[in-house]
Amino acid sequence: MPCGWIDLVLAYLHLPPDKTLAIDGSESRACRYASLAAGREIKAEEVRDNANQLGRNLERFPMPSEQKVGRLRIGPKDKRLTIIHPLSGQSSELEVGTLEEEKVAAAIK
């Protein structure tokens, strides 16, 4: 299966670089950022249907949720993000900034 540069852009941006700062809305930001990089409109279906879907599913660990729909339960709290190593269980805290969508979009453009 041939892979063009737009496929690589979609594979890279299917999870926007600022997703950990705001999970909600990350798909629309992924489309916006991919559209800026591609120079054309990228719709959610194109991002979802791209060959990166396999990679996206492989890189995620299950996140428990009390909701039946099953939403991811990660995100910063008090501008800190707790990271737990999947093998050792050791936790670390990272200081994070705020979501600045316009700065990310400008850098991609």
PDB file of N, CA and C in Angstrom:
ATOM      1  N   MET A   1       0.844  -1.185   0.000  1.00  0.00           N
ATOM      2  CA  MET A   1       0.000   0.000   0.000  1.00  0.00           C
ATOM      3  C   MET A   1       0.883   1.239   0.000  1.00  0.00           C
ATOM      4  N   PRO A   2       0.795   2.069  -1.013  1.00  0.00           N
ATOM      5  CA  PRO A   2       1.631   3.269  -1.051  1.00  0.00           C
ATOM      6  C   PRO A   2       1.243   4.247   0.061  1.00  0.00           C
ATOM      7  N   CYS A   3       2.235   4.979   0.522  1.00  0.00           N
ATOM      8  CA  CYS A   3       2.005   5.939   1.595  1.00  0.00           C
ATOM      9  C   CYS A   3       2.528   7.297   1.147  1.00  0.00           C
ATOM     10  N   GLY A   4       1.620   8.252   1.025  1.00  0.00           N
ATOM     11  CA  GLY A   4       1.998   9.590   0.624  1.00  0.00           C
ATOM     12  C   GLY A   4       2.278  10.466   1.837  1.00  0.00           C
ATOM     13  N   TRP A   5       2.721  11.679   1.582  1.00  0.00           N
ATOM     14  CA  TRP A   5       3.088  12.557   2.692  1.00  0.00           C
ATOM     15  C   TRP A   5       1.884  12.937   3.540  1.00  0.00           C
ATOM     16  N   ILE A   6       0.693  13.032   2.934  1.00  0.00           N
ATOM     17  CA  ILE A   6      -0.490  13.371   3.726  1.00  0.00           C
ATOM     18  C   ILE A   6      -0.825  12.237   4.691  1.00  0.00           C
ATOM     19  N   ASP A   7      -0.571  10.991   4.268  1.00  0.00           N
ATOM     20  CA  ASP A   7      -0.771   9.855   5.176  1.00  0.00           C
ATOM     21  C   ASP A   7       0.148   9.975   6.392  1.00  0.00           C
ATOM     22  N   LEU A   8       1.377  10.412   6.152  1.00  0.00           N
ATOM     23  CA  LEU A   8       2.318  10.589   7.256  1.00  0.00           C
ATOM     24  C   LEU A   8       1.880  11.727   8.182  1.00  0.00           C
ATOM     25  N   VAL A   9       1.361  12.804   7.592  1.00  0.00           N
ATOM     26  CA  VAL A   9       0.857  13.921   8.400  1.00  0.00           C
ATOM     27  C   VAL A   9      -0.306  13.457   9.260  1.00  0.00           C
ATOM     28  N   LEU A  10      -1.237  12.712   8.662  1.00  0.00           N
ATOM     29  CA  LEU A  10      -2.383  12.221   9.421  1.00  0.00           C
ATOM     30  C   LEU A  10      -1.956  11.238  10.506  1.00  0.00           C
ATOM     31  N   ALA A  11      -0.988  10.394  10.198  1.00  0.00           N
ATOM     32  CA  ALA A  11      -0.503   9.459  11.210  1.00  0.00           C
ATOM     33  C   ALA A  11       0.119  10.213  12.380  1.00  0.00           C
ATOM     34  N   TYR A  12       0.841  11.270  12.082  1.00  0.00           N
ATOM     35  CA  TYR A  12       1.489  12.049  13.135  1.00  0.00           C
ATOM     36  C   TYR A  12       0.481  12.882  13.930  1.00  0.00           C
ATOM     37  N   LEU A  13      -0.476  13.478  13.248  1.00  0.00           N
ATOM     38  CA  LEU A  13      -1.384  14.411  13.915  1.00  0.00           C
ATOM     39  C   LEU A  13      -2.726  13.807  14.320  1.00  0.00           C
ATOM     40  N   HIS A  14      -2.912  12.483  14.152  1.00  0.00           N
ATOM     41  CA  HIS A  14      -4.205  11.918  14.554  1.00  0.00           C
ATOM     42  C   HIS A  14      -4.454  12.115  16.043  1.00  0.00           C
ATOM     43  N   LEU A  15      -3.392  12.211  16.816  1.00  0.00           N
ATOM     44  CA  LEU A  15      -3.467  12.644  18.208  1.00  0.00           C
ATOM     45  C   LEU A  15      -2.746  13.985  18.260  1.00  0.00           C
ATOM     46  N   PRO A  16      -3.461  15.070  18.454  1.00  0.00           N
ATOM     47  CA  PRO A  16      -2.795  16.371  18.418  1.00  0.00           C
ATOM     48  C   PRO A  16      -1.765  16.497  19.537  1.00  0.00           C
ATOM     49  N   PRO A  17      -0.714  17.267  19.319  1.00  0.00           N
ATOM     50  CA  PRO A  17       0.362  17.369  20.311  1.00  0.00           C
ATOM     51  C   PRO A  17      -0.100  17.925  21.649  1.00  0.00           C
ATOM     52  N   ASP A  18      -1.247  18.588  21.673  1.00  0.00           N
ATOM     53  CA  ASP A  18      -1.744  19.163  22.922  1.00  0.00           C
ATOM     54  C   ASP A  18      -2.876  18.341  23.539  1.00  0.00           C
ATOM     55  N   LYS A  19      -3.029  17.084  23.138  1.00  0.00           N
ATOM     56  CA  LYS A  19      -4.152  16.283  23.606  1.00  0.00           C
ATOM     57  C   LYS A  19      -4.167  16.107  25.118  1.00  0.00           C
ATOM     58  N   THR A  20      -3.013  15.918  25.742  1.00  0.00           N
ATOM     59  CA  THR A  20      -3.004  15.698  27.184  1.00  0.00           C
ATOM     60  C   THR A  20      -3.482  16.915  27.959  1.00  0.00           C
ATOM     61  N   LEU A  21      -3.442  18.078  27.341  1.00  0.00           N
ATOM     62  CA  LEU A  21      -3.919  19.281  28.025  1.00  0.00           C
ATOM     63  C   LEU A  21      -5.432  19.409  27.961  1.00  0.00           C
ATOM     64  N   ALA A  22      -6.058  18.785  26.976  1.00  0.00           N
ATOM     65  CA  ALA A  22      -7.514  18.821  26.848  1.00  0.00           C
ATOM     66  C   ALA A  22      -7.950  17.684  25.929  1.00  0.00           C
ATOM     67  N   ILE A  23      -8.383  16.586  26.532  1.00  0.00           N
ATOM     68  CA  ILE A  23      -8.820  15.445  25.728  1.00  0.00           C
ATOM     69  C   ILE A  23     -10.070  15.806  24.937  1.00  0.00           C
ATOM     70  N   ASP A  24     -11.029  16.449  25.621  1.00  0.00           N
ATOM     71  CA  ASP A  24     -12.237  16.869  24.907  1.00  0.00           C
ATOM     72  C   ASP A  24     -11.855  17.857  23.813  1.00  0.00           C
ATOM     73  N   GLY A  25     -12.360  17.628  22.630  1.00  0.00           N
ATOM     74  CA  GLY A  25     -12.070  18.511  21.503  1.00  0.00           C
ATOM     75  C   GLY A  25     -10.809  18.147  20.750  1.00  0.00           C
ATOM     76  N   SER A  26     -10.113  17.078  21.175  1.00  0.00           N
ATOM     77  CA  SER A  26      -8.845  16.741  20.524  1.00  0.00           C
ATOM     78  C   SER A  26      -9.033  16.294  19.080  1.00  0.00           C
ATOM     79  N   GLU A  27     -10.154  15.646  18.773  1.00  0.00           N
ATOM     80  CA  GLU A  27     -10.367  15.217  17.386  1.00  0.00           C
ATOM     81  C   GLU A  27     -10.548  16.424  16.465  1.00  0.00           C
ATOM     82  N   SER A  28     -11.293  17.413  16.916  1.00  0.00           N
ATOM     83  CA  SER A  28     -11.477  18.596  16.059  1.00  0.00           C
ATOM     84  C   SER A  28     -10.162  19.356  15.918  1.00  0.00           C
ATOM     85  N   ARG A  29      -9.354  19.394  16.974  1.00  0.00           N
ATOM     86  CA  ARG A  29      -8.042  20.051  16.861  1.00  0.00           C
ATOM     87  C   ARG A  29      -7.129  19.255  15.927  1.00  0.00           C
ATOM     88  N   ALA A  30      -7.193  17.927  15.978  1.00  0.00           N
ATOM     89  CA  ALA A  30      -6.392  17.104  15.067  1.00  0.00           C
ATOM     90  C   ALA A  30      -6.753  17.416  13.620  1.00  0.00           C
ATOM     91  N   CYS A  31      -8.047  17.557  13.342  1.00  0.00           N
ATOM     92  CA  CYS A  31      -8.490  17.901  11.980  1.00  0.00           C
ATOM     93  C   CYS A  31      -8.003  19.293  11.593  1.00  0.00           C
ATOM     94  N   ARG A  32      -8.111  20.235  12.506  1.00  0.00           N
ATOM     95  CA  ARG A  32      -7.670  21.602  12.210  1.00  0.00           C
ATOM     96  C   ARG A  32      -6.170  21.629  11.909  1.00  0.00           C
ATOM     97  N   TYR A  33      -5.388  20.983  12.769  1.00  0.00           N
ATOM     98  CA  TYR A  33      -3.935  21.002  12.580  1.00  0.00           C
ATOM     99  C   TYR A  33      -3.544  20.272  11.293  1.00  0.00           C
ATOM    100  N   ALA A  34      -4.183  19.127  11.007  1.00  0.00           N
ATOM    101  CA  ALA A  34      -3.879  18.391   9.778  1.00  0.00           C
ATOM    102  C   ALA A  34      -4.275  19.209   8.558  1.00  0.00           C
ATOM    103  N   SER A  35      -5.389  19.942   8.648  1.00  0.00           N
ATOM    104  CA  SER A  35      -5.822  20.800   7.536  1.00  0.00           C
ATOM    105  C   SER A  35      -4.806  21.897   7.264  1.00  0.00           C
ATOM    106  N   LEU A  36      -4.262  22.483   8.341  1.00  0.00           N
ATOM    107  CA  LEU A  36      -3.239  23.523   8.171  1.00  0.00           C
ATOM    108  C   LEU A  36      -1.998  22.951   7.490  1.00  0.00           C
ATOM    109  N   ALA A  37      -1.581  21.754   7.913  1.00  0.00           N
ATOM    110  CA  ALA A  37      -0.377  21.145   7.339  1.00  0.00           C
ATOM    111  C   ALA A  37      -0.600  20.708   5.894  1.00  0.00           C
ATOM    112  N   ALA A  38      -1.803  20.213   5.590  1.00  0.00           N
ATOM    113  CA  ALA A  38      -2.082  19.690   4.249  1.00  0.00           C
ATOM    114  C   ALA A  38      -2.470  20.774   3.260  1.00  0.00           C
ATOM    115  N   GLY A  39      -2.916  21.924   3.764  1.00  0.00           N
ATOM    116  CA  GLY A  39      -3.358  22.979   2.865  1.00  0.00           C
ATOM    117  C   GLY A  39      -4.730  22.725   2.280  1.00  0.00           C
ATOM    118  N   ARG A  40      -5.476  21.831   2.883  1.00  0.00           N
ATOM    119  CA  ARG A  40      -6.846  21.537   2.467  1.00  0.00           C
ATOM    120  C   ARG A  40      -7.608  21.042   3.682  1.00  0.00           C
ATOM    121  N   GLU A  41      -8.938  21.018   3.576  1.00  0.00           N
ATOM    122  CA  GLU A  41      -9.743  20.572   4.708  1.00  0.00           C
ATOM    123  C   GLU A  41      -9.585  19.067   4.928  1.00  0.00           C
ATOM    124  N   ILE A  42      -9.309  18.711   6.159  1.00  0.00           N
ATOM    125  CA  ILE A  42      -9.244  17.309   6.568  1.00  0.00           C
ATOM    126  C   ILE A  42     -10.411  17.074   7.515  1.00  0.00           C
ATOM    127  N   LYS A  43     -11.273  16.152   7.164  1.00  0.00           N
ATOM    128  CA  LYS A  43     -12.438  15.846   7.996  1.00  0.00           C
ATOM    129  C   LYS A  43     -12.113  14.706   8.961  1.00  0.00           C
ATOM    130  N   ALA A  44     -12.900  14.605  10.009  1.00  0.00           N
ATOM    131  CA  ALA A  44     -12.678  13.588  11.042  1.00  0.00           C
ATOM    132  C   ALA A  44     -12.660  12.177  10.456  1.00  0.00           C
ATOM    133  N   GLU A  45     -13.507  11.922   9.469  1.00  0.00           N
ATOM    134  CA  GLU A  45     -13.554  10.587   8.873  1.00  0.00           C
ATOM    135  C   GLU A  45     -12.220  10.214   8.232  1.00  0.00           C
ATOM    136  N   GLU A  46     -11.581  11.197   7.619  1.00  0.00           N
ATOM    137  CA  GLU A  46     -10.288  10.931   6.974  1.00  0.00           C
ATOM    138  C   GLU A  46      -9.227  10.605   8.012  1.00  0.00           C
ATOM    139  N   VAL A  47      -9.277  11.297   9.134  1.00  0.00           N
ATOM    140  CA  VAL A  47      -8.324  11.013  10.207  1.00  0.00           C
ATOM    141  C   VAL A  47      -8.610   9.626  10.779  1.00  0.00           C
ATOM    142  N   ARG A  48      -9.884   9.343  11.046  1.00  0.00           N
ATOM    143  CA  ARG A  48     -10.263   8.055  11.639  1.00  0.00           C
ATOM    144  C   ARG A  48     -10.005   6.886  10.704  1.00  0.00           C
ATOM    145  N   ASP A  49     -10.251   7.069   9.412  1.00  0.00           N
ATOM    146  CA  ASP A  49     -10.140   5.969   8.460  1.00  0.00           C
ATOM    147  C   ASP A  49      -8.721   5.759   7.945  1.00  0.00           C
ATOM    148  N   ASN A  50      -7.819   6.632   8.303  1.00  0.00           N
ATOM    149  CA  ASN A  50      -6.458   6.533   7.806  1.00  0.00           C
ATOM    150  C   ASN A  50      -5.786   5.276   8.357  1.00  0.00           C
ATOM    151  N   ALA A  51      -4.705   4.874   7.723  1.00  0.00           N
ATOM    152  CA  ALA A  51      -3.983   3.670   8.133  1.00  0.00           C
ATOM    153  C   ALA A  51      -3.406   3.787   9.544  1.00  0.00           C
ATOM    154  N   ASN A  52      -3.388   4.988  10.113  1.00  0.00           N
ATOM    155  CA  ASN A  52      -2.829   5.157  11.460  1.00  0.00           C
ATOM    156  C   ASN A  52      -3.715   4.546  12.535  1.00  0.00           C
ATOM    157  N   GLN A  53      -4.923   4.097  12.189  1.00  0.00           N
ATOM    158  CA  GLN A  53      -5.844   3.572  13.189  1.00  0.00           C
ATOM    159  C   GLN A  53      -5.213   2.402  13.950  1.00  0.00           C
ATOM    160  N   LEU A  54      -4.528   1.533  13.265  1.00  0.00           N
ATOM    161  CA  LEU A  54      -3.889   0.409  13.932  1.00  0.00           C
ATOM    162  C   LEU A  54      -2.870   0.912  14.948  1.00  0.00           C
ATOM    163  N   GLY A  55      -2.028   1.853  14.528  1.00  0.00           N
ATOM    164  CA  GLY A  55      -1.037   2.403  15.444  1.00  0.00           C
ATOM    165  C   GLY A  55      -1.675   3.077  16.638  1.00  0.00           C
ATOM    166  N   ARG A  56      -2.748   3.805  16.399  1.00  0.00           N
ATOM    167  CA  ARG A  56      -3.438   4.500  17.481  1.00  0.00           C
ATOM    168  C   ARG A  56      -3.945   3.495  18.506  1.00  0.00           C
ATOM    169  N   ASN A  57      -4.501   2.396  18.036  1.00  0.00           N
ATOM    170  CA  ASN A  57      -5.031   1.404  18.956  1.00  0.00           C
ATOM    171  C   ASN A  57      -3.933   0.667  19.703  1.00  0.00           C
ATOM    172  N   LEU A  58      -2.801   0.467  19.068  1.00  0.00           N
ATOM    173  CA  LEU A  58      -1.708  -0.232  19.726  1.00  0.00           C
ATOM    174  C   LEU A  58      -1.024   0.610  20.794  1.00  0.00           C
ATOM    175  N   GLU A  59      -1.024   1.927  20.643  1.00  0.00           N
ATOM    176  CA  GLU A  59      -0.282   2.766  21.577  1.00  0.00           C
ATOM    177  C   GLU A  59      -1.068   3.119  22.834  1.00  0.00           C
ATOM    178  N   ARG A  60      -2.326   2.731  22.897  1.00  0.00           N
ATOM    179  CA  ARG A  60      -3.158   3.076  24.049  1.00  0.00           C
ATOM    180  C   ARG A  60      -3.285   1.904  25.006  1.00  0.00           C
ATOM    181  N   PHE A  61      -3.205   2.215  26.278  1.00  0.00           N
ATOM    182  CA  PHE A  61      -3.503   1.241  27.310  1.00  0.00           C
ATOM    183  C   PHE A  61      -4.945   1.466  27.753  1.00  0.00           C
ATOM    184  N   PRO A  62      -5.622   0.428  28.215  1.00  0.00           N
ATOM    185  CA  PRO A  62      -6.995   0.634  28.693  1.00  0.00           C
ATOM    186  C   PRO A  62      -7.008   1.580  29.892  1.00  0.00           C
ATOM    187  N   MET A  63      -7.945   2.474  29.908  1.00  0.00           N
ATOM    188  CA  MET A  63      -8.111   3.418  31.013  1.00  0.00           C
ATOM    189  C   MET A  63      -9.459   3.126  31.662  1.00  0.00           C
ATOM    190  N   PRO A  64      -9.455   2.714  32.932  1.00  0.00           N
ATOM    191  CA  PRO A  64     -10.746   2.414  33.567  1.00  0.00           C
ATOM    192  C   PRO A  64     -11.619   3.657  33.674  1.00  0.00           C
ATOM    193  N   SER A  65     -12.895   3.451  33.612  1.00  0.00           N
ATOM    194  CA  SER A  65     -13.855   4.540  33.709  1.00  0.00           C
ATOM    195  C   SER A  65     -15.126   4.021  34.351  1.00  0.00           C
ATOM    196  N   GLU A  66     -15.769   4.860  35.157  1.00  0.00           N
ATOM    197  CA  GLU A  66     -17.040   4.448  35.749  1.00  0.00           C
ATOM    198  C   GLU A  66     -18.190   4.615  34.768  1.00  0.00           C
ATOM    199  N   GLN A  67     -17.939   5.267  33.653  1.00  0.00           N
ATOM    200  CA  GLN A  67     -18.985   5.493  32.665  1.00  0.00           C
ATOM    201  C   GLN A  67     -19.093   4.290  31.736  1.00  0.00           C
ATOM    202  N   LYS A  68     -20.313   3.971  31.339  1.00  0.00           N
ATOM    203  CA  LYS A  68     -20.521   2.841  30.432  1.00  0.00           C
ATOM    204  C   LYS A  68     -19.914   3.102  29.064  1.00  0.00           C
ATOM    205  N   VAL A  69     -19.891   4.368  28.636  1.00  0.00           N
ATOM    206  CA  VAL A  69     -19.340   4.717  27.334  1.00  0.00           C
ATOM    207  C   VAL A  69     -17.828   4.544  27.343  1.00  0.00           C
ATOM    208  N   GLY A  70     -17.194   4.757  28.477  1.00  0.00           N
ATOM    209  CA  GLY A  70     -15.759   4.559  28.613  1.00  0.00           C
ATOM    210  C   GLY A  70     -14.937   5.707  28.079  1.00  0.00           C
ATOM    211  N   ARG A  71     -14.844   6.778  28.830  1.00  0.00           N
ATOM    212  CA  ARG A  71     -14.007   7.914  28.438  1.00  0.00           C
ATOM    213  C   ARG A  71     -12.653   7.774  29.103  1.00  0.00           C
ATOM    214  N   LEU A  72     -11.634   8.302  28.452  1.00  0.00           N
ATOM    215  CA  LEU A  72     -10.308   8.288  29.060  1.00  0.00           C
ATOM    216  C   LEU A  72     -10.321   9.103  30.341  1.00  0.00           C
ATOM    217  N   ARG A  73      -9.622   8.622  31.342  1.00  0.00           N
ATOM    218  CA  ARG A  73      -9.619   9.299  32.628  1.00  0.00           C
ATOM    219  C   ARG A  73      -8.230   9.855  32.926  1.00  0.00           C
ATOM    220  N   ILE A  74      -7.680  10.566  31.998  1.00  0.00           N
ATOM    221  CA  ILE A  74      -6.391  11.195  32.238  1.00  0.00           C
ATOM    222  C   ILE A  74      -6.510  12.673  31.922  1.00  0.00           C
ATOM    223  N   GLY A  75      -5.638  13.431  32.486  1.00  0.00           N
ATOM    224  CA  GLY A  75      -5.627  14.854  32.221  1.00  0.00           C
ATOM    225  C   GLY A  75      -4.942  15.581  33.362  1.00  0.00           C
ATOM    226  N   PRO A  76      -4.519  16.789  33.118  1.00  0.00           N
ATOM    227  CA  PRO A  76      -3.817  17.530  34.169  1.00  0.00           C
ATOM    228  C   PRO A  76      -4.760  17.940  35.297  1.00  0.00           C
ATOM    229  N   LYS A  77      -4.186  18.013  36.478  1.00  0.00           N
ATOM    230  CA  LYS A  77      -4.916  18.497  37.649  1.00  0.00           C
ATOM    231  C   LYS A  77      -3.992  19.486  38.345  1.00  0.00           C
ATOM    232  N   ASP A  78      -4.480  20.680  38.550  1.00  0.00           N
ATOM    233  CA  ASP A  78      -3.668  21.744  39.154  1.00  0.00           C
ATOM    234  C   ASP A  78      -2.371  21.963  38.374  1.00  0.00           C
ATOM    235  N   LYS A  79      -2.480  21.941  37.031  1.00  0.00           N
ATOM    236  CA  LYS A  79      -1.346  22.151  36.117  1.00  0.00           C
ATOM    237  C   LYS A  79      -0.238  21.112  36.287  1.00  0.00           C
ATOM    238  N   ARG A  80      -0.605  19.919  36.748  1.00  0.00           N
ATOM    239  CA  ARG A  80       0.345  18.813  36.874  1.00  0.00           C
ATOM    240  C   ARG A  80      -0.307  17.567  36.278  1.00  0.00           C
ATOM    241  N   LEU A  81       0.504  16.763  35.595  1.00  0.00           N
ATOM    242  CA  LEU A  81       0.020  15.534  34.982  1.00  0.00           C
ATOM    243  C   LEU A  81       0.807  14.384  35.595  1.00  0.00           C
ATOM    244  N   THR A  82       0.095  13.440  36.179  1.00  0.00           N
ATOM    245  CA  THR A  82       0.749  12.269  36.766  1.00  0.00           C
ATOM    246  C   THR A  82       0.906  11.209  35.685  1.00  0.00           C
ATOM    247  N   ILE A  83       2.134  10.753  35.514  1.00  0.00           N
ATOM    248  CA  ILE A  83       2.464   9.720  34.546  1.00  0.00           C
ATOM    249  C   ILE A  83       2.865   8.474  35.321  1.00  0.00           C
ATOM    250  N   ILE A  84       2.297   7.327  34.969  1.00  0.00           N
ATOM    251  CA  ILE A  84       2.642   6.067  35.626  1.00  0.00           C
ATOM    252  C   ILE A  84       3.240   5.136  34.582  1.00  0.00           C
ATOM    253  N   HIS A  85       4.464   4.689  34.838  1.00  0.00           N
ATOM    254  CA  HIS A  85       5.144   3.799  33.903  1.00  0.00           C
ATOM    255  C   HIS A  85       4.361   2.493  33.808  1.00  0.00           C
ATOM    256  N   PRO A  86       4.076   2.015  32.580  1.00  0.00           N
ATOM    257  CA  PRO A  86       3.218   0.838  32.418  1.00  0.00           C
ATOM    258  C   PRO A  86       3.839  -0.467  32.926  1.00  0.00           C
ATOM    259  N   LEU A  87       5.147  -0.533  33.065  1.00  0.00           N
ATOM    260  CA  LEU A  87       5.775  -1.769  33.531  1.00  0.00           C
ATOM    261  C   LEU A  87       6.171  -1.711  35.002  1.00  0.00           C
ATOM    262  N   SER A  88       6.820  -0.631  35.413  1.00  0.00           N
ATOM    263  CA  SER A  88       7.297  -0.554  36.795  1.00  0.00           C
ATOM    264  C   SER A  88       6.232  -0.057  37.766  1.00  0.00           C
ATOM    265  N   GLY A  89       5.251   0.696  37.256  1.00  0.00           N
ATOM    266  CA  GLY A  89       4.237   1.283  38.137  1.00  0.00           C
ATOM    267  C   GLY A  89       4.714   2.539  38.840  1.00  0.00           C
ATOM    268  N   GLN A  90       5.949   2.952  38.578  1.00  0.00           N
ATOM    269  CA  GLN A  90       6.494   4.153  39.206  1.00  0.00           C
ATOM    270  C   GLN A  90       5.804   5.387  38.626  1.00  0.00           C
ATOM    271  N   SER A  91       5.418   6.302  39.514  1.00  0.00           N
ATOM    272  CA  SER A  91       4.740   7.499  39.028  1.00  0.00           C
ATOM    273  C   SER A  91       5.672   8.705  39.075  1.00  0.00           C
ATOM    274  N   SER A  92       5.431   9.610  38.165  1.00  0.00           N
ATOM    275  CA  SER A  92       6.159  10.872  38.081  1.00  0.00           C
ATOM    276  C   SER A  92       5.143  11.959  37.780  1.00  0.00           C
ATOM    277  N   GLU A  93       5.431  13.158  38.215  1.00  0.00           N
ATOM    278  CA  GLU A  93       4.549  14.275  37.908  1.00  0.00           C
ATOM    279  C   GLU A  93       5.264  15.242  36.983  1.00  0.00           C
ATOM    280  N   LEU A  94       4.534  15.693  35.981  1.00  0.00           N
ATOM    281  CA  LEU A  94       5.043  16.667  35.033  1.00  0.00           C
ATOM    282  C   LEU A  94       4.255  17.953  35.199  1.00  0.00           C
ATOM    283  N   GLU A  95       4.944  19.062  35.199  1.00  0.00           N
ATOM    284  CA  GLU A  95       4.254  20.342  35.215  1.00  0.00           C
ATOM    285  C   GLU A  95       3.863  20.673  33.782  1.00  0.00           C
ATOM    286  N   VAL A  96       2.612  21.019  33.575  1.00  0.00           N
ATOM    287  CA  VAL A  96       2.127  21.313  32.233  1.00  0.00           C
ATOM    288  C   VAL A  96       1.557  22.720  32.180  1.00  0.00           C
ATOM    289  N   GLY A  97       1.558  23.270  31.007  1.00  0.00           N
ATOM    290  CA  GLY A  97       0.985  24.596  30.795  1.00  0.00           C
ATOM    291  C   GLY A  97      -0.483  24.487  30.459  1.00  0.00           C
ATOM    292  N   THR A  98      -0.987  25.523  29.890  1.00  0.00           N
ATOM    293  CA  THR A  98      -2.381  25.532  29.482  1.00  0.00           C
ATOM    294  C   THR A  98      -2.473  25.279  27.987  1.00  0.00           C
ATOM    295  N   LEU A  99      -3.628  24.865  27.553  1.00  0.00           N
ATOM    296  CA  LEU A  99      -3.869  24.621  26.138  1.00  0.00           C
ATOM    297  C   LEU A  99      -3.820  25.945  25.385  1.00  0.00           C
ATOM    298  N   GLU A 100      -2.956  26.023  24.381  1.00  0.00           N
ATOM    299  CA  GLU A 100      -2.835  27.219  23.555  1.00  0.00           C
ATOM    300  C   GLU A 100      -2.965  26.795  22.100  1.00  0.00           C
ATOM    301  N   GLU A 101      -4.192  26.526  21.699  1.00  0.00           N
ATOM    302  CA  GLU A 101      -4.475  26.000  20.368  1.00  0.00           C
ATOM    303  C   GLU A 101      -3.938  26.893  19.261  1.00  0.00           C
ATOM    304  N   GLU A 102      -4.048  28.195  19.416  1.00  0.00           N
ATOM    305  CA  GLU A 102      -3.574  29.106  18.353  1.00  0.00           C
ATOM    306  C   GLU A 102      -2.058  29.006  18.171  1.00  0.00           C
ATOM    307  N   LYS A 103      -1.310  28.815  19.251  1.00  0.00           N
ATOM    308  CA  LYS A 103       0.145  28.682  19.126  1.00  0.00           C
ATOM    309  C   LYS A 103       0.511  27.375  18.416  1.00  0.00           C
ATOM    310  N   VAL A 104      -0.203  26.286  18.739  1.00  0.00           N
ATOM    311  CA  VAL A 104       0.054  25.028  18.064  1.00  0.00           C
ATOM    312  C   VAL A 104      -0.280  25.153  16.574  1.00  0.00           C
ATOM    313  N   ALA A 105      -1.418  25.756  16.264  1.00  0.00           N
ATOM    314  CA  ALA A 105      -1.821  25.929  14.869  1.00  0.00           C
ATOM    315  C   ALA A 105      -0.810  26.781  14.113  1.00  0.00           C
ATOM    316  N   ALA A 106      -0.303  27.852  14.739  1.00  0.00           N
ATOM    317  CA  ALA A 106       0.681  28.714  14.080  1.00  0.00           C
ATOM    318  C   ALA A 106       1.982  27.956  13.806  1.00  0.00           C
ATOM    319  N   ALA A 107       2.407  27.122  14.752  1.00  0.00           N
ATOM    320  CA  ALA A 107       3.631  26.347  14.553  1.00  0.00           C
ATOM    321  C   ALA A 107       3.470  25.344  13.420  1.00  0.00           C
ATOM    322  N   ILE A 108       2.316  24.714  13.325  1.00  0.00           N
ATOM    323  CA  ILE A 108       2.074  23.740  12.253  1.00  0.00           C
ATOM    324  C   ILE A 108       1.979  24.433  10.904  1.00  0.00           C
ATOM    325  N   LYS A 109       1.301  25.585  10.879  1.00  0.00           N
ATOM    326  CA  LYS A 109       1.147  26.325   9.615  1.00  0.00           C
ATOM    327  C   LYS A 109       2.488  26.765   9.100  1.00  0.00           C
TER     328      LYS A 109
END
